[in-house]
PDB file of N, CA and C in Angstrom:
ATOM      1  N   MET A   1     -41.912  68.538 -45.199  1.00  0.00           N
ATOM      2  CA  MET A   1     -40.707  69.495 -44.835  1.00  0.00           C
ATOM      3  C   MET A   1     -39.640  68.024 -45.736  1.00  0.00           C
ATOM      4  N   SER A   2     -39.074  68.121 -46.109  1.00  0.00           N
ATOM      5  CA  SER A   2     -37.395  67.404 -46.466  1.00  0.00           C
ATOM      6  C   SER A   2     -36.854  66.832 -45.595  1.00  0.00           C
ATOM      7  N   LYS A   3     -36.305  65.657 -46.724  1.00  0.00           N
ATOM      8  CA  LYS A   3     -35.588  64.397 -45.699  1.00  0.00           C
ATOM      9  C   LYS A   3     -34.568  65.252 -45.356  1.00  0.00           C
ATOM     10  N   LEU A   4     -34.182  64.130 -43.826  1.00  0.00           N
ATOM     11  CA  LEU A   4     -33.134  65.254 -42.926  1.00  0.00           C
ATOM     12  C   LEU A   4     -32.264  63.272 -42.440  1.00  0.00           C
ATOM     13  N   ALA A   5     -30.528  64.269 -42.206  1.00  0.00           N
ATOM     14  CA  ALA A   5     -30.088  64.137 -42.413  1.00  0.00           C
ATOM     15  C   ALA A   5     -29.184  64.124 -40.475  1.00  0.00           C
ATOM     16  N   LEU A   6     -29.257  62.688 -39.794  1.00  0.00           N
ATOM     17  CA  LEU A   6     -28.320  63.365 -39.076  1.00  0.00           C
ATOM     18  C   LEU A   6     -27.412  62.557 -38.125  1.00  0.00           C
ATOM     19  N   VAL A   7     -25.880  63.004 -38.393  1.00  0.00           N
ATOM     20  CA  VAL A   7     -25.007  62.986 -38.740  1.00  0.00           C
ATOM     21  C   VAL A   7     -24.550  63.368 -37.030  1.00  0.00           C
ATOM     22  N   TYR A   8     -24.318  62.038 -36.662  1.00  0.00           N
ATOM     23  CA  TYR A   8     -22.831  61.618 -36.000  1.00  0.00           C
ATOM     24  C   TYR A   8     -22.336  60.836 -35.740  1.00  0.00           C
ATOM     25  N   GLY A   9     -20.899  61.384 -34.680  1.00  0.00           N
ATOM     26  CA  GLY A   9     -19.909  59.729 -34.631  1.00  0.00           C
ATOM     27  C   GLY A   9     -19.752  59.097 -32.998  1.00  0.00           C
ATOM     28  N   VAL A  10     -19.787  57.910 -32.171  1.00  0.00           N
ATOM     29  CA  VAL A  10     -19.575  57.032 -31.375  1.00  0.00           C
ATOM     30  C   VAL A  10     -17.659  57.203 -31.905  1.00  0.00           C
ATOM     31  N   ARG A  11     -17.334  57.472 -30.144  1.00  0.00           N
ATOM     32  CA  ARG A  11     -17.010  56.790 -30.123  1.00  0.00           C
ATOM     33  C   ARG A  11     -16.357  56.315 -28.704  1.00  0.00           C
ATOM     34  N   LEU A  12     -16.080  55.034 -27.625  1.00  0.00           N
ATOM     35  CA  LEU A  12     -15.982  54.297 -26.782  1.00  0.00           C
ATOM     36  C   LEU A  12     -15.052  54.005 -26.474  1.00  0.00           C
ATOM     37  N   VAL A  13     -13.899  55.226 -25.576  1.00  0.00           N
ATOM     38  CA  VAL A  13     -12.739  54.922 -24.932  1.00  0.00           C
ATOM     39  C   VAL A  13     -12.356  54.920 -23.249  1.00  0.00           C
ATOM     40  N   PRO A  14     -11.490  54.380 -22.264  1.00  0.00           N
ATOM     41  CA  PRO A  14     -11.360  54.593 -21.382  1.00  0.00           C
ATOM     42  C   PRO A  14     -11.030  56.580 -20.231  1.00  0.00           C
ATOM     43  N   ALA A  15     -11.830  56.495 -19.684  1.00  0.00           N
ATOM     44  CA  ALA A  15     -12.586  57.974 -19.334  1.00  0.00           C
ATOM     45  C   ALA A  15     -11.341  58.283 -18.292  1.00  0.00           C
ATOM     46  N   ASP A  16     -10.097  57.515 -17.847  1.00  0.00           N
ATOM     47  CA  ASP A  16      -9.564  58.718 -17.364  1.00  0.00           C
ATOM     48  C   ASP A  16      -8.470  58.887 -18.459  1.00  0.00           C
ATOM     49  N   GLU A  17      -8.511  58.916 -19.718  1.00  0.00           N
ATOM     50  CA  GLU A  17      -7.453  58.621 -20.618  1.00  0.00           C
ATOM     51  C   GLU A  17      -8.511  59.753 -21.616  1.00  0.00           C
ATOM     52  N   LEU A  18      -8.829  59.949 -22.023  1.00  0.00           N
ATOM     53  CA  LEU A  18      -9.747  61.064 -22.224  1.00  0.00           C
ATOM     54  C   LEU A  18      -8.972  62.785 -21.091  1.00  0.00           C
ATOM     55  N   GLU A  19      -8.292  63.017 -22.778  1.00  0.00           N
ATOM     56  CA  GLU A  19      -8.127  64.813 -22.081  1.00  0.00           C
ATOM     57  C   GLU A  19      -9.051  65.598 -22.834  1.00  0.00           C
ATOM     58  N   GLY A  20      -9.389  66.264 -24.436  1.00  0.00           N
ATOM     59  CA  GLY A  20     -10.551  66.643 -24.478  1.00  0.00           C
ATOM     60  C   GLY A  20     -11.159  66.858 -26.343  1.00  0.00           C
ATOM     61  N   PHE A  21     -11.550  67.165 -26.103  1.00  0.00           N
ATOM     62  CA  PHE A  21     -12.195  66.849 -27.504  1.00  0.00           C
ATOM     63  C   PHE A  21     -12.065  68.011 -28.590  1.00  0.00           C
ATOM     64  N   GLU A  22     -12.838  68.383 -29.783  1.00  0.00           N
ATOM     65  CA  GLU A  22     -12.904  69.260 -30.194  1.00  0.00           C
ATOM     66  C   GLU A  22     -14.333  69.124 -31.216  1.00  0.00           C
ATOM     67  N   GLU A  23     -14.899  70.323 -31.536  1.00  0.00           N
ATOM     68  CA  GLU A  23     -16.140  70.224 -32.500  1.00  0.00           C
ATOM     69  C   GLU A  23     -15.599  70.329 -33.526  1.00  0.00           C
ATOM     70  N   ALA A  24     -16.783  69.669 -33.967  1.00  0.00           N
ATOM     71  CA  ALA A  24     -16.238  68.292 -35.440  1.00  0.00           C
ATOM     72  C   ALA A  24     -17.238  69.426 -36.691  1.00  0.00           C
ATOM     73  N   SER A  25     -17.180  69.200 -38.154  1.00  0.00           N
ATOM     74  CA  SER A  25     -17.257  70.418 -38.005  1.00  0.00           C
ATOM     75  C   SER A  25     -18.065  69.764 -40.300  1.00  0.00           C
ATOM     76  N   ILE A  26     -19.042  69.879 -40.704  1.00  0.00           N
ATOM     77  CA  ILE A  26     -19.293  69.683 -42.065  1.00  0.00           C
ATOM     78  C   ILE A  26     -19.016  70.204 -42.947  1.00  0.00           C
ATOM     79  N   ARG A  27     -19.195  69.952 -44.170  1.00  0.00           N
ATOM     80  CA  ARG A  27     -19.215  70.825 -45.515  1.00  0.00           C
ATOM     81  C   ARG A  27     -21.345  70.774 -45.910  1.00  0.00           C
ATOM     82  N   LEU A  28     -21.796  71.344 -45.958  1.00  0.00           N
ATOM     83  CA  LEU A  28     -23.692  71.532 -47.210  1.00  0.00           C
ATOM     84  C   LEU A  28     -22.194  72.363 -47.936  1.00  0.00           C
ATOM     85  N   LYS A  29     -23.302  70.792 -49.384  1.00  0.00           N
ATOM     86  CA  LYS A  29     -23.050  71.465 -50.164  1.00  0.00           C
ATOM     87  C   LYS A  29     -22.731  72.473 -51.022  1.00  0.00           C
ATOM     88  N   SER A  30     -24.075  74.190 -50.695  1.00  0.00           N
ATOM     89  CA  SER A  30     -24.235  74.979 -51.025  1.00  0.00           C
ATOM     90  C   SER A  30     -22.802  75.922 -50.728  1.00  0.00           C
ATOM     91  N   GLY A  31     -22.173  75.145 -50.116  1.00  0.00           N
ATOM     92  CA  GLY A  31     -20.945  76.008 -50.197  1.00  0.00           C
ATOM     93  C   GLY A  31     -20.196  76.679 -48.576  1.00  0.00           C
ATOM     94  N   ARG A  32     -21.360  75.778 -48.218  1.00  0.00           N
ATOM     95  CA  ARG A  32     -21.206  76.766 -45.737  1.00  0.00           C
ATOM     96  C   ARG A  32     -21.173  75.496 -45.497  1.00  0.00           C
ATOM     97  N   SER A  33     -20.763  75.653 -44.378  1.00  0.00           N
ATOM     98  CA  SER A  33     -20.069  74.555 -43.113  1.00  0.00           C
ATOM     99  C   SER A  33     -21.164  74.861 -42.210  1.00  0.00           C
ATOM    100  N   ALA A  34     -20.929  73.327 -40.770  1.00  0.00           N
ATOM    101  CA  ALA A  34     -21.909  74.366 -39.841  1.00  0.00           C
ATOM    102  C   ALA A  34     -20.905  72.996 -38.870  1.00  0.00           C
ATOM    103  N   SER A  35     -21.067  73.016 -37.926  1.00  0.00           N
ATOM    104  CA  SER A  35     -19.880  72.939 -37.029  1.00  0.00           C
ATOM    105  C   SER A  35     -21.659  71.447 -35.899  1.00  0.00           C
ATOM    106  N   VAL A  36     -21.301  69.923 -35.635  1.00  0.00           N
ATOM    107  CA  VAL A  36     -21.053  69.398 -34.910  1.00  0.00           C
ATOM    108  C   VAL A  36     -20.832  69.276 -33.471  1.00  0.00           C
ATOM    109  N   THR A  37     -22.027  69.919 -32.884  1.00  0.00           N
ATOM    110  CA  THR A  37     -21.322  69.573 -31.275  1.00  0.00           C
ATOM    111  C   THR A  37     -20.472  68.006 -30.642  1.00  0.00           C
ATOM    112  N   MET A  38     -20.447  68.200 -29.954  1.00  0.00           N
ATOM    113  CA  MET A  38     -19.026  66.719 -29.237  1.00  0.00           C
ATOM    114  C   MET A  38     -19.984  67.650 -27.873  1.00  0.00           C
ATOM    115  N   HIS A  39     -20.794  65.825 -27.617  1.00  0.00           N
ATOM    116  CA  HIS A  39     -21.390  65.532 -26.641  1.00  0.00           C
ATOM    117  C   HIS A  39     -20.117  64.983 -25.370  1.00  0.00           C
ATOM    118  N   LEU A  40     -19.881  64.470 -24.004  1.00  0.00           N
ATOM    119  CA  LEU A  40     -19.554  63.640 -23.566  1.00  0.00           C
ATOM    120  C   LEU A  40     -20.170  63.084 -22.889  1.00  0.00           C
ATOM    121  N   ILE A  41     -20.569  61.177 -22.322  1.00  0.00           N
ATOM    122  CA  ILE A  41     -21.119  60.622 -21.950  1.00  0.00           C
ATOM    123  C   ILE A  41     -20.816  59.759 -20.744  1.00  0.00           C
ATOM    124  N   GLU A  42     -20.358  59.439 -19.804  1.00  0.00           N
ATOM    125  CA  GLU A  42     -19.362  59.004 -19.085  1.00  0.00           C
ATOM    126  C   GLU A  42     -20.565  57.399 -17.575  1.00  0.00           C
ATOM    127  N   GLY A  43     -20.078  56.549 -17.928  1.00  0.00           N
ATOM    128  CA  GLY A  43     -20.609  54.988 -17.741  1.00  0.00           C
ATOM    129  C   GLY A  43     -19.735  54.597 -16.959  1.00  0.00           C
ATOM    130  N   SER A  44     -20.496  53.759 -15.730  1.00  0.00           N
ATOM    131  CA  SER A  44     -19.120  52.676 -14.891  1.00  0.00           C
ATOM    132  C   SER A  44     -19.799  51.914 -15.693  1.00  0.00           C
ATOM    133  N   SER A  45     -21.083  51.432 -16.222  1.00  0.00           N
ATOM    134  CA  SER A  45     -21.337  50.106 -16.816  1.00  0.00           C
ATOM    135  C   SER A  45     -21.804  49.935 -18.733  1.00  0.00           C
ATOM    136  N   GLU A  46     -22.349  49.597 -19.144  1.00  0.00           N
ATOM    137  CA  GLU A  46     -22.842  49.354 -20.929  1.00  0.00           C
ATOM    138  C   GLU A  46     -24.660  49.828 -20.904  1.00  0.00           C
ATOM    139  N   GLU A  47     -24.815  49.492 -19.784  1.00  0.00           N
ATOM    140  CA  GLU A  47     -26.411  49.934 -19.343  1.00  0.00           C
ATOM    141  C   GLU A  47     -26.579  51.438 -18.733  1.00  0.00           C
ATOM    142  N   GLU A  48     -25.614  51.532 -18.442  1.00  0.00           N
ATOM    143  CA  GLU A  48     -25.733  53.450 -17.516  1.00  0.00           C
ATOM    144  C   GLU A  48     -25.534  54.281 -18.701  1.00  0.00           C
ATOM    145  N   ILE A  49     -24.127  53.865 -19.733  1.00  0.00           N
ATOM    146  CA  ILE A  49     -23.685  54.352 -20.397  1.00  0.00           C
ATOM    147  C   ILE A  49     -25.277  54.775 -22.470  1.00  0.00           C
ATOM    148  N   LYS A  50     -25.518  53.867 -21.807  1.00  0.00           N
ATOM    149  CA  LYS A  50     -27.126  53.231 -23.507  1.00  0.00           C
ATOM    150  C   LYS A  50     -28.006  54.450 -22.700  1.00  0.00           C
ATOM    151  N   ARG A  51     -27.815  53.889 -21.175  1.00  0.00           N
ATOM    152  CA  ARG A  51     -29.783  56.045 -21.422  1.00  0.00           C
ATOM    153  C   ARG A  51     -29.599  56.512 -20.984  1.00  0.00           C
ATOM    154  N   GLN A  52     -27.881  57.086 -21.166  1.00  0.00           N
ATOM    155  CA  GLN A  52     -27.583  58.379 -21.159  1.00  0.00           C
ATOM    156  C   GLN A  52     -27.421  58.498 -22.515  1.00  0.00           C
ATOM    157  N   LEU A  53     -27.489  58.594 -23.418  1.00  0.00           N
ATOM    158  CA  LEU A  53     -27.976  58.137 -25.290  1.00  0.00           C
ATOM    159  C   LEU A  53     -28.200  58.710 -25.451  1.00  0.00           C
ATOM    160  N   TYR A  54     -29.863  57.438 -24.502  1.00  0.00           N
ATOM    161  CA  TYR A  54     -31.194  56.942 -25.548  1.00  0.00           C
ATOM    162  C   TYR A  54     -31.272  59.021 -24.499  1.00  0.00           C
ATOM    163  N   GLN A  55     -30.831  59.242 -23.527  1.00  0.00           N
ATOM    164  CA  GLN A  55     -31.649  60.285 -22.929  1.00  0.00           C
ATOM    165  C   GLN A  55     -31.474  61.417 -23.938  1.00  0.00           C
ATOM    166  N   SER A  56     -29.945  60.861 -24.066  1.00  0.00           N
ATOM    167  CA  SER A  56     -29.984  62.744 -24.470  1.00  0.00           C
ATOM    168  C   SER A  56     -30.279  62.606 -26.479  1.00  0.00           C
ATOM    169  N   LEU A  57     -31.266  61.624 -26.902  1.00  0.00           N
ATOM    170  CA  LEU A  57     -30.893  61.620 -28.080  1.00  0.00           C
ATOM    171  C   LEU A  57     -32.601  62.447 -28.640  1.00  0.00           C
ATOM    172  N   ASP A  58     -33.327  61.459 -26.682  1.00  0.00           N
ATOM    173  CA  ASP A  58     -35.200  62.317 -27.074  1.00  0.00           C
ATOM    174  C   ASP A  58     -34.661  63.523 -26.970  1.00  0.00           C
ATOM    175  N   ALA A  59     -33.017  64.087 -26.135  1.00  0.00           N
ATOM    176  CA  ALA A  59     -33.163  65.575 -25.478  1.00  0.00           C
ATOM    177  C   ALA A  59     -32.872  66.533 -27.222  1.00  0.00           C
ATOM    178  N   PHE A  60     -32.727  65.858 -27.271  1.00  0.00           N
ATOM    179  CA  PHE A  60     -31.991  66.432 -28.904  1.00  0.00           C
ATOM    180  C   PHE A  60     -33.537  66.586 -30.173  1.00  0.00           C
ATOM    181  N   PHE A  61     -34.483  65.457 -30.125  1.00  0.00           N
ATOM    182  CA  PHE A  61     -35.183  65.940 -30.770  1.00  0.00           C
ATOM    183  C   PHE A  61     -37.157  66.610 -30.663  1.00  0.00           C
ATOM    184  N   ASP A  62     -35.845  66.606 -28.963  1.00  0.00           N
ATOM    185  CA  ASP A  62     -36.928  68.083 -27.950  1.00  0.00           C
ATOM    186  C   ASP A  62     -37.401  68.806 -29.160  1.00  0.00           C
ATOM    187  N   PHE A  63     -35.698  69.958 -29.332  1.00  0.00           N
ATOM    188  CA  PHE A  63     -34.902  70.812 -29.672  1.00  0.00           C
ATOM    189  C   PHE A  63     -35.793  71.637 -30.937  1.00  0.00           C
ATOM    190  N   TYR A  64     -36.642  70.034 -31.511  1.00  0.00           N
ATOM    191  CA  TYR A  64     -36.878  70.416 -32.781  1.00  0.00           C
ATOM    192  C   TYR A  64     -38.219  68.839 -32.907  1.00  0.00           C
ATOM    193  N   PRO A  65     -39.674  70.188 -32.508  1.00  0.00           N
ATOM    194  CA  PRO A  65     -40.987  69.073 -32.179  1.00  0.00           C
ATOM    195  C   PRO A  65     -41.735  69.480 -33.445  1.00  0.00           C
ATOM    196  N   GLU A  66     -41.149  70.082 -34.604  1.00  0.00           N
ATOM    197  CA  GLU A  66     -41.749  70.063 -35.636  1.00  0.00           C
ATOM    198  C   GLU A  66     -40.986  68.501 -36.887  1.00  0.00           C
ATOM    199  N   ILE A  67     -40.373  68.197 -36.500  1.00  0.00           N
ATOM    200  CA  ILE A  67     -40.113  67.343 -37.547  1.00  0.00           C
ATOM    201  C   ILE A  67     -41.042  65.422 -36.277  1.00  0.00           C
TER     202      ILE A  67
END
């Protein structure tokens, strides 16, 4: 298997100020583009947000058992 790159972005904002967000895109050396699905995690504490984030990352890697 070739070397992998995990592309991600994180920004913490007050939940009541968030109106919406869109998919991000990346450009590949082949000239193709790919989308990066954005995820929203809300919580009332750092621990709650981190717990959900870790669960989300674990679930993401479940999609790729060959890694």
